Amino acid sequence: MREILTISITIVILTINLIPFFIAFGVLFPARTAKTVEAATRLPGRSFVVGMINFTFFLVFALALFSLSDRLDGLLKTVLILPALVISVILAIMLGAGLGGMAALVGERLVPSQSLWKRVFWGTLVLGLGSSVPLLGWFLLLPYAAWVGMGAFIIGFFQKNTA
């Protein structure tokens, strides 16, 4: 029973820690966040497929480079680790930005009349706690939100400016 309580408290604390990150991202990069939200709203299916394919491909590629570098020494190990680290960092940035856009989207749909930071606050809280539900949250909601957000973030780079 104590482990369940510890895990639950940890999840709530981690979710609360994401709130300022997503608010700061939305404030520092408002155009990028708006494009991500717009792409996720207009093209959720395409965003999901683009996100899933890119995430899977680059994750497998980075893991393969890490695995190969584990078996080597010296300069060749460094040559393989550096691209793997760069790919991992880019994946983390795209996932963070995509999830920030998804939190903004969820908040926009939950409390549309509130200010930006309150929408992101509620969106992050609902998305984070919803993703912590065993099985359904872990294996359905979190991958869906992550892949749609990541795909919408990528699609946002290629869409024309509407203004």
C-alpha atoms as a PDB file:
ATOM      1  CA  MET A   1       0.000   0.000   0.000  1.00  0.00           C
ATOM      2  CA  ARG A   2       2.847   2.335   0.782  1.00  0.00           C
ATOM      3  CA  GLU A   3       4.364   1.885  -2.705  1.00  0.00           C
ATOM      4  CA  ILE A   4       1.092   2.892  -4.354  1.00  0.00           C
ATOM      5  CA  LEU A   5       0.925   6.044  -2.265  1.00  0.00           C
ATOM      6  CA  THR A   6       4.556   6.885  -3.036  1.00  0.00           C
ATOM      7  CA  ILE A   7       4.028   6.359  -6.772  1.00  0.00           C
ATOM      8  CA  SER A   8       0.839   8.446  -6.741  1.00  0.00           C
ATOM      9  CA  ILE A   9       2.508  11.328  -4.940  1.00  0.00           C
ATOM     10  CA  THR A  10       5.484  11.144  -7.313  1.00  0.00           C
ATOM     11  CA  ILE A  11       3.203  11.293 -10.359  1.00  0.00           C
ATOM     12  CA  VAL A  12       1.331  14.307  -8.988  1.00  0.00           C
ATOM     13  CA  ILE A  13       4.600  16.111  -8.217  1.00  0.00           C
ATOM     14  CA  LEU A  14       6.017  15.353 -11.676  1.00  0.00           C
ATOM     15  CA  THR A  15       2.809  16.576 -13.316  1.00  0.00           C
ATOM     16  CA  ILE A  16       2.920  19.775 -11.286  1.00  0.00           C
ATOM     17  CA  ASN A  17       6.557  20.233 -12.382  1.00  0.00           C
ATOM     18  CA  LEU A  18       5.488  20.090 -16.036  1.00  0.00           C
ATOM     19  CA  ILE A  19       3.068  23.005 -15.627  1.00  0.00           C
ATOM     20  CA  PRO A  20       5.708  25.774 -15.471  1.00  0.00           C
ATOM     21  CA  PHE A  21       7.658  24.148 -18.321  1.00  0.00           C
ATOM     22  CA  PHE A  22       4.649  24.156 -20.642  1.00  0.00           C
ATOM     23  CA  ILE A  23       3.629  27.682 -19.594  1.00  0.00           C
ATOM     24  CA  ALA A  24       7.173  28.964 -20.192  1.00  0.00           C
ATOM     25  CA  PHE A  25       7.350  27.220 -23.560  1.00  0.00           C
ATOM     26  CA  GLY A  26       4.031  28.764 -24.601  1.00  0.00           C
ATOM     27  CA  VAL A  27       5.167  32.216 -23.491  1.00  0.00           C
ATOM     28  CA  LEU A  28       8.636  32.019 -25.058  1.00  0.00           C
ATOM     29  CA  PHE A  29       7.489  30.406 -28.314  1.00  0.00           C
ATOM     30  CA  PRO A  30       3.875  31.551 -28.849  1.00  0.00           C
ATOM     31  CA  ALA A  31       3.923  31.181 -32.645  1.00  0.00           C
ATOM     32  CA  ARG A  32       5.338  27.649 -32.479  1.00  0.00           C
ATOM     33  CA  THR A  33       2.795  26.647 -29.821  1.00  0.00           C
ATOM     34  CA  ALA A  34      -0.051  28.182 -31.853  1.00  0.00           C
ATOM     35  CA  LYS A  35       1.063  26.294 -34.974  1.00  0.00           C
ATOM     36  CA  THR A  36       1.261  23.048 -33.001  1.00  0.00           C
ATOM     37  CA  VAL A  37      -2.225  23.548 -31.536  1.00  0.00           C
ATOM     38  CA  GLU A  38      -3.615  24.491 -34.944  1.00  0.00           C
ATOM     39  CA  ALA A  39      -2.087  21.459 -36.674  1.00  0.00           C
ATOM     40  CA  ALA A  40      -3.298  19.123 -33.908  1.00  0.00           C
ATOM     41  CA  THR A  41      -6.797  20.580 -34.190  1.00  0.00           C
ATOM     42  CA  ARG A  42      -6.993  20.489 -37.992  1.00  0.00           C
ATOM     43  CA  LEU A  43      -5.061  17.282 -38.700  1.00  0.00           C
ATOM     44  CA  PRO A  44      -5.129  14.969 -35.667  1.00  0.00           C
ATOM     45  CA  GLY A  45      -4.883  11.761 -37.707  1.00  0.00           C
ATOM     46  CA  ARG A  46      -2.035  12.968 -39.880  1.00  0.00           C
ATOM     47  CA  SER A  47      -0.273  14.421 -36.816  1.00  0.00           C
ATOM     48  CA  PHE A  48      -0.577  11.059 -35.057  1.00  0.00           C
ATOM     49  CA  VAL A  49       0.907   9.138 -37.991  1.00  0.00           C
ATOM     50  CA  VAL A  50       3.722  11.660 -38.561  1.00  0.00           C
ATOM     51  CA  GLY A  51       4.561  11.672 -34.853  1.00  0.00           C
ATOM     52  CA  MET A  52       4.451   7.900 -34.461  1.00  0.00           C
ATOM     53  CA  ILE A  53       6.593   7.225 -37.529  1.00  0.00           C
ATOM     54  CA  ASN A  54       9.196   9.873 -36.695  1.00  0.00           C
ATOM     55  CA  PHE A  55       9.360   8.918 -33.020  1.00  0.00           C
ATOM     56  CA  THR A  56       9.729   5.215 -33.778  1.00  0.00           C
ATOM     57  CA  PHE A  57      12.298   5.670 -36.529  1.00  0.00           C
ATOM     58  CA  PHE A  58      14.545   8.086 -34.657  1.00  0.00           C
ATOM     59  CA  LEU A  59      14.242   6.212 -31.361  1.00  0.00           C
ATOM     60  CA  VAL A  60      15.268   2.936 -33.007  1.00  0.00           C
ATOM     61  CA  PHE A  61      18.105   4.698 -34.829  1.00  0.00           C
ATOM     62  CA  ALA A  62      19.396   6.339 -31.623  1.00  0.00           C
ATOM     63  CA  LEU A  63      19.122   3.078 -29.668  1.00  0.00           C
ATOM     64  CA  ALA A  64      21.014   1.238 -32.404  1.00  0.00           C
ATOM     65  CA  LEU A  65      23.797   3.829 -32.276  1.00  0.00           C
ATOM     66  CA  PHE A  66      23.950   3.591 -28.482  1.00  0.00           C
ATOM     67  CA  SER A  67      24.042  -0.202 -28.681  1.00  0.00           C
ATOM     68  CA  LEU A  68      26.801  -0.211 -31.278  1.00  0.00           C
ATOM     69  CA  SER A  69      28.845   2.313 -29.324  1.00  0.00           C
ATOM     70  CA  ASP A  70      28.577   0.128 -26.237  1.00  0.00           C
ATOM     71  CA  ARG A  71      30.594  -2.580 -27.981  1.00  0.00           C
ATOM     72  CA  LEU A  72      33.372  -0.235 -29.114  1.00  0.00           C
ATOM     73  CA  ASP A  73      36.132   1.796 -27.475  1.00  0.00           C
ATOM     74  CA  GLY A  74      37.992   4.987 -28.183  1.00  0.00           C
ATOM     75  CA  LEU A  75      37.247   7.420 -30.976  1.00  0.00           C
ATOM     76  CA  LEU A  76      34.749   5.184 -32.771  1.00  0.00           C
ATOM     77  CA  LYS A  77      32.652   5.001 -29.609  1.00  0.00           C
ATOM     78  CA  THR A  78      32.560   8.810 -29.463  1.00  0.00           C
ATOM     79  CA  VAL A  79      31.725   9.039 -33.157  1.00  0.00           C
ATOM     80  CA  LEU A  80      28.654   6.847 -32.591  1.00  0.00           C
ATOM     81  CA  ILE A  81      27.545   8.348 -29.263  1.00  0.00           C
ATOM     82  CA  LEU A  82      27.479  11.960 -30.452  1.00  0.00           C
ATOM     83  CA  PRO A  83      24.832  11.495 -33.176  1.00  0.00           C
ATOM     84  CA  ALA A  84      22.826   9.280 -30.824  1.00  0.00           C
ATOM     85  CA  LEU A  85      22.856  12.024 -28.195  1.00  0.00           C
ATOM     86  CA  VAL A  86      21.896  14.680 -30.755  1.00  0.00           C
ATOM     87  CA  ILE A  87      18.994  12.546 -31.988  1.00  0.00           C
ATOM     88  CA  SER A  88      17.876  11.907 -28.391  1.00  0.00           C
ATOM     89  CA  VAL A  89      17.960  15.612 -27.559  1.00  0.00           C
ATOM     90  CA  ILE A  90      16.000  16.501 -30.704  1.00  0.00           C
ATOM     91  CA  LEU A  91      13.420  13.817 -29.857  1.00  0.00           C
ATOM     92  CA  ALA A  92      13.110  15.213 -26.326  1.00  0.00           C
ATOM     93  CA  ILE A  93      12.661  18.755 -27.657  1.00  0.00           C
ATOM     94  CA  MET A  94       9.992  17.663 -30.128  1.00  0.00           C
ATOM     95  CA  LEU A  95       8.177  15.625 -27.484  1.00  0.00           C
ATOM     96  CA  GLY A  96       8.319  18.469 -24.970  1.00  0.00           C
ATOM     97  CA  ALA A  97       7.095  21.028 -27.494  1.00  0.00           C
ATOM     98  CA  GLY A  98       4.415  18.674 -28.798  1.00  0.00           C
ATOM     99  CA  LEU A  99       3.121  17.817 -25.344  1.00  0.00           C
ATOM    100  CA  GLY A 100       3.151  21.526 -24.479  1.00  0.00           C
ATOM    101  CA  GLY A 101       0.980  22.178 -27.516  1.00  0.00           C
ATOM    102  CA  MET A 102      -1.330  19.326 -26.554  1.00  0.00           C
ATOM    103  CA  ALA A 103      -1.624  20.695 -23.004  1.00  0.00           C
ATOM    104  CA  ALA A 104      -2.553  24.089 -24.500  1.00  0.00           C
ATOM    105  CA  LEU A 105      -5.114  22.391 -26.748  1.00  0.00           C
ATOM    106  CA  VAL A 106      -6.683  20.409 -23.890  1.00  0.00           C
ATOM    107  CA  GLY A 107      -6.788  23.537 -21.736  1.00  0.00           C
ATOM    108  CA  GLU A 108      -8.310  25.541 -24.585  1.00  0.00           C
ATOM    109  CA  ARG A 109     -11.085  22.979 -24.894  1.00  0.00           C
ATOM    110  CA  LEU A 110     -11.599  22.693 -21.122  1.00  0.00           C
ATOM    111  CA  VAL A 111     -11.608  26.349 -20.098  1.00  0.00           C
ATOM    112  CA  PRO A 112     -11.696  28.501 -23.256  1.00  0.00           C
ATOM    113  CA  SER A 113     -12.556  31.718 -21.438  1.00  0.00           C
ATOM    114  CA  GLN A 114      -9.527  31.626 -19.128  1.00  0.00           C
ATOM    115  CA  SER A 115      -6.151  33.271 -19.706  1.00  0.00           C
ATOM    116  CA  LEU A 116      -3.361  31.416 -21.503  1.00  0.00           C
ATOM    117  CA  TRP A 117      -1.488  30.312 -18.394  1.00  0.00           C
ATOM    118  CA  LYS A 118      -4.680  29.020 -16.742  1.00  0.00           C
ATOM    119  CA  ARG A 119      -5.586  27.052 -19.863  1.00  0.00           C
ATOM    120  CA  VAL A 120      -2.108  25.504 -19.971  1.00  0.00           C
ATOM    121  CA  PHE A 121      -2.264  24.864 -16.213  1.00  0.00           C
ATOM    122  CA  TRP A 122      -5.529  22.940 -16.457  1.00  0.00           C
ATOM    123  CA  GLY A 123      -4.562  21.238 -19.708  1.00  0.00           C
ATOM    124  CA  THR A 124      -1.277  19.984 -18.233  1.00  0.00           C
ATOM    125  CA  LEU A 125      -2.958  18.840 -15.048  1.00  0.00           C
ATOM    126  CA  VAL A 126      -5.690  16.921 -16.873  1.00  0.00           C
ATOM    127  CA  LEU A 127      -3.340  15.452 -19.483  1.00  0.00           C
ATOM    128  CA  GLY A 128      -0.692  14.496 -16.908  1.00  0.00           C
ATOM    129  CA  LEU A 129      -3.052  12.935 -14.404  1.00  0.00           C
ATOM    130  CA  GLY A 130      -5.052  11.271 -17.168  1.00  0.00           C
ATOM    131  CA  SER A 131      -1.864   9.748 -18.550  1.00  0.00           C
ATOM    132  CA  SER A 132      -1.010   8.335 -15.143  1.00  0.00           C
ATOM    133  CA  VAL A 133      -4.032   6.040 -15.102  1.00  0.00           C
ATOM    134  CA  PRO A 134      -2.706   2.470 -15.173  1.00  0.00           C
ATOM    135  CA  LEU A 135      -2.814   0.743 -18.557  1.00  0.00           C
ATOM    136  CA  LEU A 136      -5.250   3.052 -20.396  1.00  0.00           C
ATOM    137  CA  GLY A 137      -3.335   6.213 -19.578  1.00  0.00           C
ATOM    138  CA  TRP A 138       0.095   4.650 -20.014  1.00  0.00           C
ATOM    139  CA  PHE A 139      -0.522   2.788 -23.241  1.00  0.00           C
ATOM    140  CA  LEU A 140      -3.298   4.784 -24.935  1.00  0.00           C
ATOM    141  CA  LEU A 141      -3.579   8.399 -23.763  1.00  0.00           C
ATOM    142  CA  LEU A 142       0.113   9.222 -23.266  1.00  0.00           C
ATOM    143  CA  PRO A 143       1.357   7.783 -26.588  1.00  0.00           C
ATOM    144  CA  TYR A 144      -1.597   9.342 -28.412  1.00  0.00           C
ATOM    145  CA  ALA A 145      -0.990  12.786 -26.915  1.00  0.00           C
ATOM    146  CA  ALA A 146       2.772  12.528 -27.385  1.00  0.00           C
ATOM    147  CA  TRP A 147       2.586  11.371 -31.005  1.00  0.00           C
ATOM    148  CA  VAL A 148      -0.155  13.808 -32.039  1.00  0.00           C
ATOM    149  CA  GLY A 149       1.758  16.633 -30.350  1.00  0.00           C
ATOM    150  CA  MET A 150       5.061  15.633 -31.914  1.00  0.00           C
ATOM    151  CA  GLY A 151       3.474  15.200 -35.337  1.00  0.00           C
ATOM    152  CA  ALA A 152       1.674  18.543 -35.049  1.00  0.00           C
ATOM    153  CA  PHE A 153       4.964  20.177 -34.032  1.00  0.00           C
ATOM    154  CA  ILE A 154       6.658  18.719 -37.131  1.00  0.00           C
ATOM    155  CA  ILE A 155       3.744  19.624 -39.428  1.00  0.00           C
ATOM    156  CA  GLY A 156       3.821  23.158 -38.001  1.00  0.00           C
ATOM    157  CA  PHE A 157       7.257  23.645 -39.530  1.00  0.00           C
ATOM    158  CA  PHE A 158       5.927  22.940 -43.027  1.00  0.00           C
ATOM    159  CA  GLN A 159       2.596  24.781 -42.988  1.00  0.00           C
ATOM    160  CA  LYS A 160       2.300  28.238 -44.463  1.00  0.00           C
ATOM    161  CA  ASN A 161       1.868  31.246 -42.226  1.00  0.00           C
ATOM    162  CA  THR A 162      -1.798  32.250 -42.134  1.00  0.00           C
ATOM    163  CA  ALA A 163      -1.064  35.854 -41.178  1.00  0.00           C
END
